[in-house]
Amino acid sequence: DNIDWIEKYKKSVQPIKVGKFYVRPSWEE
């Protein structure tokens, strides 16, 4: 059944700090 799986996936993606960089999806601070 076609639930909004893109939104569900977004909730599972976390920001990450690597070296000098902070990599994040646009919906994270």
PDB file of all heavy atoms in Angstrom:
ATOM      1  N   ASP A   1       0.846  -1.188   0.000  1.00  0.00           N
ATOM      2  CA  ASP A   1       0.000   0.000   0.000  1.00  0.00           C
ATOM      3  C   ASP A   1       0.883   1.240   0.000  1.00  0.00           C
ATOM      4  O   ASP A   1       1.914   1.303   0.690  1.00  0.00           O
ATOM      5  CB  ASP A   1      -0.902   0.024   1.237  1.00  0.00           C
ATOM      6  CG  ASP A   1      -1.956  -1.071   1.187  1.00  0.00           C
ATOM      7  OD1 ASP A   1      -2.352  -1.455   0.063  1.00  0.00           O
ATOM      8  OD2 ASP A   1      -2.366  -1.541   2.265  1.00  0.00           O
ATOM      9  N   ASN A   2       0.494   2.243  -0.772  1.00  0.00           N
ATOM     10  CA  ASN A   2       1.348   3.395  -1.004  1.00  0.00           C
ATOM     11  C   ASN A   2       1.204   4.434   0.115  1.00  0.00           C
ATOM     12  O   ASN A   2       0.556   5.457  -0.035  1.00  0.00           O
ATOM     13  CB  ASN A   2       1.016   4.028  -2.350  1.00  0.00           C
ATOM     14  CG  ASN A   2       2.172   4.858  -2.871  1.00  0.00           C
ATOM     15  OD1 ASN A   2       3.125   5.131  -2.161  1.00  0.00           O
ATOM     16  ND2 ASN A   2       2.078   5.264  -4.121  1.00  0.00           N
ATOM     17  N   ILE A   3       1.862   4.159   1.227  1.00  0.00           N
ATOM     18  CA  ILE A   3       1.996   5.172   2.276  1.00  0.00           C
ATOM     19  C   ILE A   3       3.083   6.145   1.839  1.00  0.00           C
ATOM     20  O   ILE A   3       3.786   5.920   0.862  1.00  0.00           O
ATOM     21  CB  ILE A   3       2.369   4.527   3.632  1.00  0.00           C
ATOM     22  CG1 ILE A   3       3.718   3.803   3.531  1.00  0.00           C
ATOM     23  CG2 ILE A   3       1.281   3.596   4.089  1.00  0.00           C
ATOM     24  CD1 ILE A   3       4.245   3.313   4.856  1.00  0.00           C
ATOM     25  N   ASP A   4       3.232   7.229   2.531  1.00  0.00           N
ATOM     26  CA  ASP A   4       4.243   8.211   2.161  1.00  0.00           C
ATOM     27  C   ASP A   4       5.601   7.737   2.663  1.00  0.00           C
ATOM     28  O   ASP A   4       6.114   8.186   3.685  1.00  0.00           O
ATOM     29  CB  ASP A   4       3.896   9.579   2.753  1.00  0.00           C
ATOM     30  CG  ASP A   4       4.729  10.690   2.134  1.00  0.00           C
ATOM     31  OD1 ASP A   4       5.689  10.392   1.394  1.00  0.00           O
ATOM     32  OD2 ASP A   4       4.422  11.857   2.413  1.00  0.00           O
ATOM     33  N   TRP A   5       6.226   6.817   1.906  1.00  0.00           N
ATOM     34  CA  TRP A   5       7.478   6.226   2.375  1.00  0.00           C
ATOM     35  C   TRP A   5       8.665   7.169   2.267  1.00  0.00           C
ATOM     36  O   TRP A   5       9.671   6.986   2.941  1.00  0.00           O
ATOM     37  CB  TRP A   5       7.756   4.912   1.648  1.00  0.00           C
ATOM     38  CG  TRP A   5       7.635   4.927   0.156  1.00  0.00           C
ATOM     39  CD1 TRP A   5       6.543   4.593  -0.587  1.00  0.00           C
ATOM     40  CD2 TRP A   5       8.649   5.272  -0.789  1.00  0.00           C
ATOM     41  NE1 TRP A   5       6.802   4.721  -1.927  1.00  0.00           N
ATOM     42  CE2 TRP A   5       8.089   5.134  -2.087  1.00  0.00           C
ATOM     43  CE3 TRP A   5       9.970   5.693  -0.665  1.00  0.00           C
ATOM     44  CZ2 TRP A   5       8.813   5.404  -3.245  1.00  0.00           C
ATOM     45  CZ3 TRP A   5      10.691   5.964  -1.832  1.00  0.00           C
ATOM     46  CH2 TRP A   5      10.109   5.820  -3.088  1.00  0.00           C
ATOM     47  N   ILE A   6       8.585   8.206   1.426  1.00  0.00           N
ATOM     48  CA  ILE A   6       9.672   9.188   1.378  1.00  0.00           C
ATOM     49  C   ILE A   6       9.742   9.914   2.726  1.00  0.00           C
ATOM     50  O   ILE A   6      10.818  10.096   3.299  1.00  0.00           O
ATOM     51  CB  ILE A   6       9.461  10.194   0.240  1.00  0.00           C
ATOM     52  CG1 ILE A   6       9.697   9.515  -1.123  1.00  0.00           C
ATOM     53  CG2 ILE A   6      10.407  11.381   0.394  1.00  0.00           C
ATOM     54  CD1 ILE A   6      11.122   9.098  -1.374  1.00  0.00           C
ATOM     55  N   GLU A   7       8.582  10.312   3.257  1.00  0.00           N
ATOM     56  CA  GLU A   7       8.576  10.980   4.557  1.00  0.00           C
ATOM     57  C   GLU A   7       9.046  10.029   5.651  1.00  0.00           C
ATOM     58  O   GLU A   7       9.773  10.423   6.563  1.00  0.00           O
ATOM     59  CB  GLU A   7       7.174  11.499   4.875  1.00  0.00           C
ATOM     60  CG  GLU A   7       6.749  12.678   4.033  1.00  0.00           C
ATOM     61  CD  GLU A   7       7.677  13.869   4.194  1.00  0.00           C
ATOM     62  OE1 GLU A   7       8.130  14.120   5.339  1.00  0.00           O
ATOM     63  OE2 GLU A   7       7.965  14.536   3.193  1.00  0.00           O
ATOM     64  N   LYS A   8       8.647   8.782   5.559  1.00  0.00           N
ATOM     65  CA  LYS A   8       9.096   7.787   6.526  1.00  0.00           C
ATOM     66  C   LYS A   8      10.605   7.623   6.469  1.00  0.00           C
ATOM     67  O   LYS A   8      11.291   7.513   7.493  1.00  0.00           O
ATOM     68  CB  LYS A   8       8.395   6.461   6.240  1.00  0.00           C
ATOM     69  CG  LYS A   8       8.717   5.360   7.230  1.00  0.00           C
ATOM     70  CD  LYS A   8       7.960   4.079   6.888  1.00  0.00           C
ATOM     71  CE  LYS A   8       8.306   2.957   7.861  1.00  0.00           C
ATOM     72  NZ  LYS A   8       7.602   1.692   7.513  1.00  0.00           N
ATOM     73  N   TYR A   9      11.152   7.617   5.239  1.00  0.00           N
ATOM     74  CA  TYR A   9      12.596   7.483   5.069  1.00  0.00           C
ATOM     75  C   TYR A   9      13.336   8.690   5.646  1.00  0.00           C
ATOM     76  O   TYR A   9      14.380   8.552   6.287  1.00  0.00           O
ATOM     77  CB  TYR A   9      12.914   7.302   3.574  1.00  0.00           C
ATOM     78  CG  TYR A   9      14.377   7.237   3.248  1.00  0.00           C
ATOM     79  CD1 TYR A   9      15.239   6.406   3.952  1.00  0.00           C
ATOM     80  CD2 TYR A   9      14.907   7.999   2.208  1.00  0.00           C
ATOM     81  CE1 TYR A   9      16.579   6.333   3.635  1.00  0.00           C
ATOM     82  CE2 TYR A   9      16.247   7.928   1.887  1.00  0.00           C
ATOM     83  CZ  TYR A   9      17.082   7.095   2.599  1.00  0.00           C
ATOM     84  OH  TYR A   9      18.405   7.034   2.295  1.00  0.00           O
ATOM     85  N   LYS A  10      12.790   9.882   5.436  1.00  0.00           N
ATOM     86  CA  LYS A  10      13.434  11.087   5.941  1.00  0.00           C
ATOM     87  C   LYS A  10      13.686  11.015   7.445  1.00  0.00           C
ATOM     88  O   LYS A  10      14.716  11.458   7.948  1.00  0.00           O
ATOM     89  CB  LYS A  10      12.572  12.320   5.632  1.00  0.00           C
ATOM     90  CG  LYS A  10      12.639  12.790   4.189  1.00  0.00           C
ATOM     91  CD  LYS A  10      11.776  14.032   4.013  1.00  0.00           C
ATOM     92  CE  LYS A  10      11.858  14.577   2.602  1.00  0.00           C
ATOM     93  NZ  LYS A  10      11.052  15.803   2.445  1.00  0.00           N
ATOM     94  N   LYS A  11      12.723  10.421   8.155  1.00  0.00           N
ATOM     95  CA  LYS A  11      12.846  10.346   9.607  1.00  0.00           C
ATOM     96  C   LYS A  11      14.009   9.460  10.044  1.00  0.00           C
ATOM     97  O   LYS A  11      14.492   9.566  11.170  1.00  0.00           O
ATOM     98  CB  LYS A  11      11.537   9.834  10.207  1.00  0.00           C
ATOM     99  CG  LYS A  11      10.371  10.802  10.021  1.00  0.00           C
ATOM    100  CD  LYS A  11       9.081  10.217  10.573  1.00  0.00           C
ATOM    101  CE  LYS A  11       7.904  11.155  10.343  1.00  0.00           C
ATOM    102  NZ  LYS A  11       6.628  10.582  10.829  1.00  0.00           N
ATOM    103  N   SER A  12      14.458   8.572   9.149  1.00  0.00           N
ATOM    104  CA  SER A  12      15.535   7.649   9.510  1.00  0.00           C
ATOM    105  C   SER A  12      16.921   8.204   9.183  1.00  0.00           C
ATOM    106  O   SER A  12      17.937   7.608   9.554  1.00  0.00           O
ATOM    107  CB  SER A  12      15.350   6.316   8.772  1.00  0.00           C
ATOM    108  OG  SER A  12      15.611   6.455   7.388  1.00  0.00           O
ATOM    109  N   VAL A  13      16.994   9.338   8.469  1.00  0.00           N
ATOM    110  CA  VAL A  13      18.282   9.887   8.035  1.00  0.00           C
ATOM    111  C   VAL A  13      18.780  10.894   9.068  1.00  0.00           C
ATOM    112  O   VAL A  13      18.122  11.898   9.336  1.00  0.00           O
ATOM    113  CB  VAL A  13      18.156  10.561   6.652  1.00  0.00           C
ATOM    114  CG1 VAL A  13      19.494  11.145   6.224  1.00  0.00           C
ATOM    115  CG2 VAL A  13      17.661   9.558   5.628  1.00  0.00           C
ATOM    116  N   GLN A  14      19.962  10.635   9.629  1.00  0.00           N
ATOM    117  CA  GLN A  14      20.502  11.472  10.685  1.00  0.00           C
ATOM    118  C   GLN A  14      21.691  12.298  10.182  1.00  0.00           C
ATOM    119  O   GLN A  14      22.440  11.853   9.316  1.00  0.00           O
ATOM    120  CB  GLN A  14      20.958  10.605  11.861  1.00  0.00           C
ATOM    121  CG  GLN A  14      19.840   9.815  12.518  1.00  0.00           C
ATOM    122  CD  GLN A  14      18.774  10.713  13.095  1.00  0.00           C
ATOM    123  OE1 GLN A  14      19.077  11.696  13.774  1.00  0.00           O
ATOM    124  NE2 GLN A  14      17.515  10.396  12.820  1.00  0.00           N
ATOM    125  N   PRO A  15      21.886  13.511  10.728  1.00  0.00           N
ATOM    126  CA  PRO A  15      23.085  14.295  10.388  1.00  0.00           C
ATOM    127  C   PRO A  15      24.336  13.574  10.890  1.00  0.00           C
ATOM    128  O   PRO A  15      24.263  12.717  11.776  1.00  0.00           O
ATOM    129  CB  PRO A  15      22.876  15.611  11.154  1.00  0.00           C
ATOM    130  CG  PRO A  15      21.471  15.609  11.597  1.00  0.00           C
ATOM    131  CD  PRO A  15      21.035  14.190  11.694  1.00  0.00           C
ATOM    132  N   ILE A  16      25.482  13.943  10.313  1.00  0.00           N
ATOM    133  CA  ILE A  16      26.728  13.300  10.715  1.00  0.00           C
ATOM    134  C   ILE A  16      27.862  14.324  10.702  1.00  0.00           C
ATOM    135  O   ILE A  16      27.958  15.158   9.798  1.00  0.00           O
ATOM    136  CB  ILE A  16      27.043  12.103   9.785  1.00  0.00           C
ATOM    137  CG1 ILE A  16      28.292  11.363  10.266  1.00  0.00           C
ATOM    138  CG2 ILE A  16      27.163  12.543   8.341  1.00  0.00           C
ATOM    139  CD1 ILE A  16      28.514  10.049   9.548  1.00  0.00           C
ATOM    140  N   LYS A  17      28.707  14.289  11.724  1.00  0.00           N
ATOM    141  CA  LYS A  17      29.888  15.161  11.813  1.00  0.00           C
ATOM    142  C   LYS A  17      31.089  14.358  11.341  1.00  0.00           C
ATOM    143  O   LYS A  17      31.395  13.290  11.867  1.00  0.00           O
ATOM    144  CB  LYS A  17      30.096  15.615  13.265  1.00  0.00           C
ATOM    145  CG  LYS A  17      31.338  16.464  13.491  1.00  0.00           C
ATOM    146  CD  LYS A  17      31.166  17.848  12.942  1.00  0.00           C
ATOM    147  CE  LYS A  17      32.241  18.815  13.470  1.00  0.00           C
ATOM    148  NZ  LYS A  17      33.596  18.488  13.023  1.00  0.00           N
ATOM    149  N   VAL A  18      31.770  14.858  10.297  1.00  0.00           N
ATOM    150  CA  VAL A  18      32.946  14.187   9.743  1.00  0.00           C
ATOM    151  C   VAL A  18      34.050  15.211   9.553  1.00  0.00           C
ATOM    152  O   VAL A  18      33.920  16.128   8.741  1.00  0.00           O
ATOM    153  CB  VAL A  18      32.650  13.526   8.378  1.00  0.00           C
ATOM    154  CG1 VAL A  18      33.829  12.661   7.951  1.00  0.00           C
ATOM    155  CG2 VAL A  18      31.384  12.714   8.418  1.00  0.00           C
ATOM    156  N   GLY A  19      35.132  15.079  10.310  1.00  0.00           N
ATOM    157  CA  GLY A  19      36.226  16.027  10.191  1.00  0.00           C
ATOM    158  C   GLY A  19      35.751  17.446  10.410  1.00  0.00           C
ATOM    159  O   GLY A  19      35.115  17.765  11.416  1.00  0.00           O
ATOM    160  N   LYS A  20      36.011  18.313   9.431  1.00  0.00           N
ATOM    161  CA  LYS A  20      35.619  19.715   9.527  1.00  0.00           C
ATOM    162  C   LYS A  20      34.164  19.952   9.110  1.00  0.00           C
ATOM    163  O   LYS A  20      33.684  21.090   9.174  1.00  0.00           O
ATOM    164  CB  LYS A  20      36.528  20.570   8.640  1.00  0.00           C
ATOM    165  CG  LYS A  20      37.995  20.562   9.051  1.00  0.00           C
ATOM    166  CD  LYS A  20      38.836  21.368   8.062  1.00  0.00           C
ATOM    167  CE  LYS A  20      40.296  21.364   8.471  1.00  0.00           C
ATOM    168  NZ  LYS A  20      41.138  22.121   7.494  1.00  0.00           N
ATOM    169  N   PHE A  21      33.473  18.899   8.696  1.00  0.00           N
ATOM    170  CA  PHE A  21      32.169  19.055   8.064  1.00  0.00           C
ATOM    171  C   PHE A  21      31.027  18.518   8.918  1.00  0.00           C
ATOM    172  O   PHE A  21      31.191  17.561   9.675  1.00  0.00           O
ATOM    173  CB  PHE A  21      32.160  18.350   6.707  1.00  0.00           C
ATOM    174  CG  PHE A  21      33.283  18.770   5.808  1.00  0.00           C
ATOM    175  CD1 PHE A  21      34.384  17.949   5.636  1.00  0.00           C
ATOM    176  CD2 PHE A  21      33.255  19.983   5.156  1.00  0.00           C
ATOM    177  CE1 PHE A  21      35.434  18.328   4.816  1.00  0.00           C
ATOM    178  CE2 PHE A  21      34.298  20.381   4.332  1.00  0.00           C
ATOM    179  CZ  PHE A  21      35.393  19.546   4.163  1.00  0.00           C
ATOM    180  N   TYR A  22      29.860  19.164   8.754  1.00  0.00           N
ATOM    181  CA  TYR A  22      28.629  18.692   9.354  1.00  0.00           C
ATOM    182  C   TYR A  22      27.651  18.459   8.212  1.00  0.00           C
ATOM    183  O   TYR A  22      27.183  19.408   7.565  1.00  0.00           O
ATOM    184  CB  TYR A  22      28.064  19.714  10.344  1.00  0.00           C
ATOM    185  CG  TYR A  22      26.876  19.212  11.133  1.00  0.00           C
ATOM    186  CD1 TYR A  22      27.068  18.404  12.254  1.00  0.00           C
ATOM    187  CD2 TYR A  22      25.576  19.552  10.772  1.00  0.00           C
ATOM    188  CE1 TYR A  22      25.979  17.939  12.990  1.00  0.00           C
ATOM    189  CE2 TYR A  22      24.492  19.097  11.502  1.00  0.00           C
ATOM    190  CZ  TYR A  22      24.704  18.289  12.606  1.00  0.00           C
ATOM    191  OH  TYR A  22      23.610  17.828  13.333  1.00  0.00           O
ATOM    192  N   VAL A  23      27.375  17.184   7.910  1.00  0.00           N
ATOM    193  CA  VAL A  23      26.537  16.818   6.763  1.00  0.00           C
ATOM    194  C   VAL A  23      25.135  16.518   7.274  1.00  0.00           C
ATOM    195  O   VAL A  23      24.952  15.699   8.175  1.00  0.00           O
ATOM    196  CB  VAL A  23      27.113  15.596   6.028  1.00  0.00           C
ATOM    197  CG1 VAL A  23      26.302  15.314   4.759  1.00  0.00           C
ATOM    198  CG2 VAL A  23      28.584  15.823   5.677  1.00  0.00           C
ATOM    199  N   ARG A  24      24.136  17.160   6.657  1.00  0.00           N
ATOM    200  CA  ARG A  24      22.767  17.006   7.148  1.00  0.00           C
ATOM    201  C   ARG A  24      21.776  17.088   6.006  1.00  0.00           C
ATOM    202  O   ARG A  24      22.034  17.732   4.978  1.00  0.00           O
ATOM    203  CB  ARG A  24      22.454  18.107   8.162  1.00  0.00           C
ATOM    204  CG  ARG A  24      22.489  19.511   7.556  1.00  0.00           C
ATOM    205  CD  ARG A  24      22.212  20.589   8.588  1.00  0.00           C
ATOM    206  NE  ARG A  24      22.333  21.930   8.036  1.00  0.00           N
ATOM    207  CZ  ARG A  24      21.314  22.636   7.561  1.00  0.00           C
ATOM    208  NH1 ARG A  24      20.082  22.137   7.581  1.00  0.00           N
ATOM    209  NH2 ARG A  24      21.505  23.854   7.079  1.00  0.00           N
ATOM    210  N   PRO A  25      20.615  16.450   6.163  1.00  0.00           N
ATOM    211  CA  PRO A  25      19.512  16.701   5.221  1.00  0.00           C
ATOM    212  C   PRO A  25      18.918  18.073   5.511  1.00  0.00           C
ATOM    213  O   PRO A  25      19.098  18.630   6.605  1.00  0.00           O
ATOM    214  CB  PRO A  25      18.531  15.573   5.539  1.00  0.00           C
ATOM    215  CG  PRO A  25      18.816  15.197   6.946  1.00  0.00           C
ATOM    216  CD  PRO A  25      20.271  15.437   7.170  1.00  0.00           C
ATOM    217  N   SER A  26      18.216  18.618   4.545  1.00  0.00           N
ATOM    218  CA  SER A  26      17.733  19.996   4.657  1.00  0.00           C
ATOM    219  C   SER A  26      16.734  20.194   5.783  1.00  0.00           C
ATOM    220  O   SER A  26      16.541  21.314   6.251  1.00  0.00           O
ATOM    221  CB  SER A  26      17.112  20.443   3.327  1.00  0.00           C
ATOM    222  OG  SER A  26      16.055  19.575   2.949  1.00  0.00           O
ATOM    223  N   TRP A  27      16.087  19.128   6.229  1.00  0.00           N
ATOM    224  CA  TRP A  27      15.075  19.275   7.283  1.00  0.00           C
ATOM    225  C   TRP A  27      15.678  19.240   8.691  1.00  0.00           C
ATOM    226  O   TRP A  27      14.968  19.394   9.667  1.00  0.00           O
ATOM    227  CB  TRP A  27      14.001  18.201   7.143  1.00  0.00           C
ATOM    228  CG  TRP A  27      14.532  16.789   7.115  1.00  0.00           C
ATOM    229  CD1 TRP A  27      14.796  15.980   8.184  1.00  0.00           C
ATOM    230  CD2 TRP A  27      14.873  16.025   5.960  1.00  0.00           C
ATOM    231  NE1 TRP A  27      15.282  14.768   7.770  1.00  0.00           N
ATOM    232  CE2 TRP A  27      15.328  14.767   6.402  1.00  0.00           C
ATOM    233  CE3 TRP A  27      14.834  16.282   4.586  1.00  0.00           C
ATOM    234  CZ2 TRP A  27      15.747  13.772   5.512  1.00  0.00           C
ATOM    235  CZ3 TRP A  27      15.242  15.295   3.714  1.00  0.00           C
ATOM    236  CH2 TRP A  27      15.683  14.059   4.176  1.00  0.00           C
ATOM    237  N   GLU A  28      17.010  19.045   8.793  1.00  0.00           N
ATOM    238  CA  GLU A  28      17.679  19.068  10.092  1.00  0.00           C
ATOM    239  C   GLU A  28      18.365  20.417  10.302  1.00  0.00           C
ATOM    240  O   GLU A  28      18.753  21.093   9.344  1.00  0.00           O
ATOM    241  CB  GLU A  28      18.728  17.950  10.180  1.00  0.00           C
ATOM    242  CG  GLU A  28      18.138  16.549  10.205  1.00  0.00           C
ATOM    243  CD  GLU A  28      17.502  16.196  11.540  1.00  0.00           C
ATOM    244  OE1 GLU A  28      17.706  16.951  12.514  1.00  0.00           O
ATOM    245  OE2 GLU A  28      16.807  15.171  11.620  1.00  0.00           O
ATOM    246  N   GLU A  29      18.552  20.805  11.560  1.00  0.00           N
ATOM    247  CA  GLU A  29      19.188  22.071  11.890  1.00  0.00           C
ATOM    248  C   GLU A  29      20.700  21.999  11.647  1.00  0.00           C
ATOM    249  O   GLU A  29      21.307  20.939  11.719  1.00  0.00           O
ATOM    250  CB  GLU A  29      18.923  22.433  13.361  1.00  0.00           C
ATOM    251  CG  GLU A  29      17.461  22.722  13.684  1.00  0.00           C
ATOM    252  CD  GLU A  29      16.960  23.955  12.964  1.00  0.00           C
ATOM    253  OE1 GLU A  29      17.741  24.925  12.828  1.00  0.00           O
ATOM    254  OE2 GLU A  29      15.788  23.951  12.528  1.00  0.00           O
TER     255      GLU A  29
END
